[in-house]
Structure formats: C-alpha cells, structure tokens
C-alpha cells in the first residue's frame, strides 16, 4: 500500500495556484506517494462548495487518515495554521 500525504496550500477561489498544486503533487506521486488535496479532490477546483464546519470536518478526517502532512506555507493562511496545528 502506498503512503498517503495530505497536501495543504493557501486556498485561492480563482485557483491561481493550480499549476503549483499539480506540480508539487506530481513530484509526490512520482515518488510513490498518493496525495489528498482539498481544493482538488473535495472542492473539485471550486465546483463543490462546503460550509466551513463541514470543510474542517473533512479536512481533519483526511489529515488523520494520512501518513504524512505536507504544507506549502509561502503564503499566510488561517486554514494552513489550523491544519498545521
């Protein structure tokens, strides 16, 4: 079974960091690590909208189910701080 990494990154409604998300997760995949990224896998790049409580519930469940957490922290984000905690 391949290890799983929860990948967190600053959320942007316009998906302006989609290429960055794709590039980082591609490197992880190339090294045998499956990834879960909320923006990509749960919110489907903005096609699915969840209220904050449900989003955090899903996020924490995905973090708990992962072998490792990878956070891209070059931009400040309240959600990233919560995920890191």
Protein backbone atom coordinates (compact mmCIF):
# COMPACT_ATOMS: atom_id res chain seq x y z
CA UNK A 1 0.00 0.00 0.00
CA UNK A 2 1.37 3.39 -1.00
CA UNK A 3 1.79 6.05 1.69
CA UNK A 4 -0.64 8.96 1.59
CA UNK A 5 0.24 12.62 2.07
CA UNK A 6 -2.28 15.29 2.96
CA UNK A 7 -1.21 18.31 0.91
CA UNK A 8 -2.29 21.73 2.17
CA UNK A 9 -1.74 25.03 0.43
CA UNK A 10 -3.24 28.54 0.59
CA UNK A 11 -6.72 28.46 -0.93
CA UNK A 12 -7.50 30.87 -3.77
CA UNK A 13 -11.04 30.98 -5.17
CA UNK A 14 -9.66 31.66 -8.66
CA UNK A 15 -7.35 28.60 -8.45
CA UNK A 16 -4.36 30.73 -9.39
CA UNK A 17 -2.02 28.23 -7.72
CA UNK A 18 -3.47 25.19 -9.52
CA UNK A 19 -0.26 24.70 -11.51
CA UNK A 20 1.76 24.78 -8.28
CA UNK A 21 -0.59 22.22 -6.68
CA UNK A 22 -0.33 19.98 -9.74
CA UNK A 23 3.48 20.27 -9.84
CA UNK A 24 4.03 19.51 -6.14
CA UNK A 25 1.61 16.60 -6.08
CA UNK A 26 3.14 15.22 -9.30
CA UNK A 27 6.53 15.06 -7.57
CA UNK A 28 4.98 13.25 -4.62
CA UNK A 29 3.19 10.81 -6.96
CA UNK A 30 6.44 10.20 -8.89
CA UNK A 31 7.98 9.14 -5.59
CA UNK A 32 5.22 6.67 -4.79
CA UNK A 33 3.16 8.88 -2.50
CA UNK A 34 -0.58 9.27 -3.03
CA UNK A 35 -1.96 12.71 -2.19
CA UNK A 36 -5.15 14.27 -0.95
CA UNK A 37 -5.65 17.97 -1.64
CA UNK A 38 -8.92 19.53 -0.51
CA UNK A 39 -9.12 22.11 -3.32
CA UNK A 40 -8.54 19.47 -5.97
CA UNK A 41 -10.18 16.33 -4.55
CA UNK A 42 -13.03 17.57 -2.37
CA UNK A 43 -13.91 21.03 -3.70
CA UNK A 44 -13.19 19.96 -7.31
CA UNK A 45 -11.47 23.28 -8.12
CA UNK A 46 -14.47 25.31 -6.90
CA UNK A 47 -17.28 23.17 -8.33
CA UNK A 48 -18.23 21.98 -4.82
CA UNK A 49 -18.87 24.48 -2.03
CA UNK A 50 -18.95 23.37 1.59
CA UNK A 51 -19.67 25.39 4.71
CA UNK A 52 -16.69 26.00 6.98
CA UNK A 53 -17.72 23.45 9.61
CA UNK A 54 -18.13 20.63 7.08
CA UNK A 55 -14.93 21.59 5.29
CA UNK A 56 -12.94 21.42 8.53
CA UNK A 57 -14.56 18.10 9.45
CA UNK A 58 -13.48 16.60 6.13
CA UNK A 59 -10.04 18.19 6.35
CA UNK A 60 -9.32 16.76 9.81
CA UNK A 61 -10.55 13.32 8.74
CA UNK A 62 -8.24 13.40 5.70
CA UNK A 63 -5.28 14.54 7.84
CA UNK A 64 -5.95 11.76 10.36
CA UNK A 65 -6.10 9.17 7.57
CA UNK A 66 -2.80 10.33 6.02
CA UNK A 67 0.68 9.05 6.75
CA UNK A 68 2.25 12.50 6.45
CA UNK A 69 1.14 16.12 6.17
CA UNK A 70 2.82 18.39 3.61
CA UNK A 71 2.01 22.10 3.89
CA UNK A 72 3.15 24.73 1.40
CA UNK A 73 3.49 27.78 3.66
CA UNK A 74 4.93 30.50 1.41
CA UNK A 75 1.64 32.41 1.80
CA UNK A 76 -0.13 33.03 5.09
CA UNK A 77 -3.45 31.31 5.53
CA UNK A 78 -5.63 30.77 8.59
CA UNK A 79 -6.61 27.33 7.29
CA UNK A 80 -2.97 26.33 6.93
CA UNK A 81 -2.32 27.33 10.51
CA UNK A 82 -5.23 25.21 11.67
CA UNK A 83 -4.05 22.27 9.55
CA UNK A 84 -0.51 22.61 10.92
CA UNK A 85 -1.83 22.55 14.49
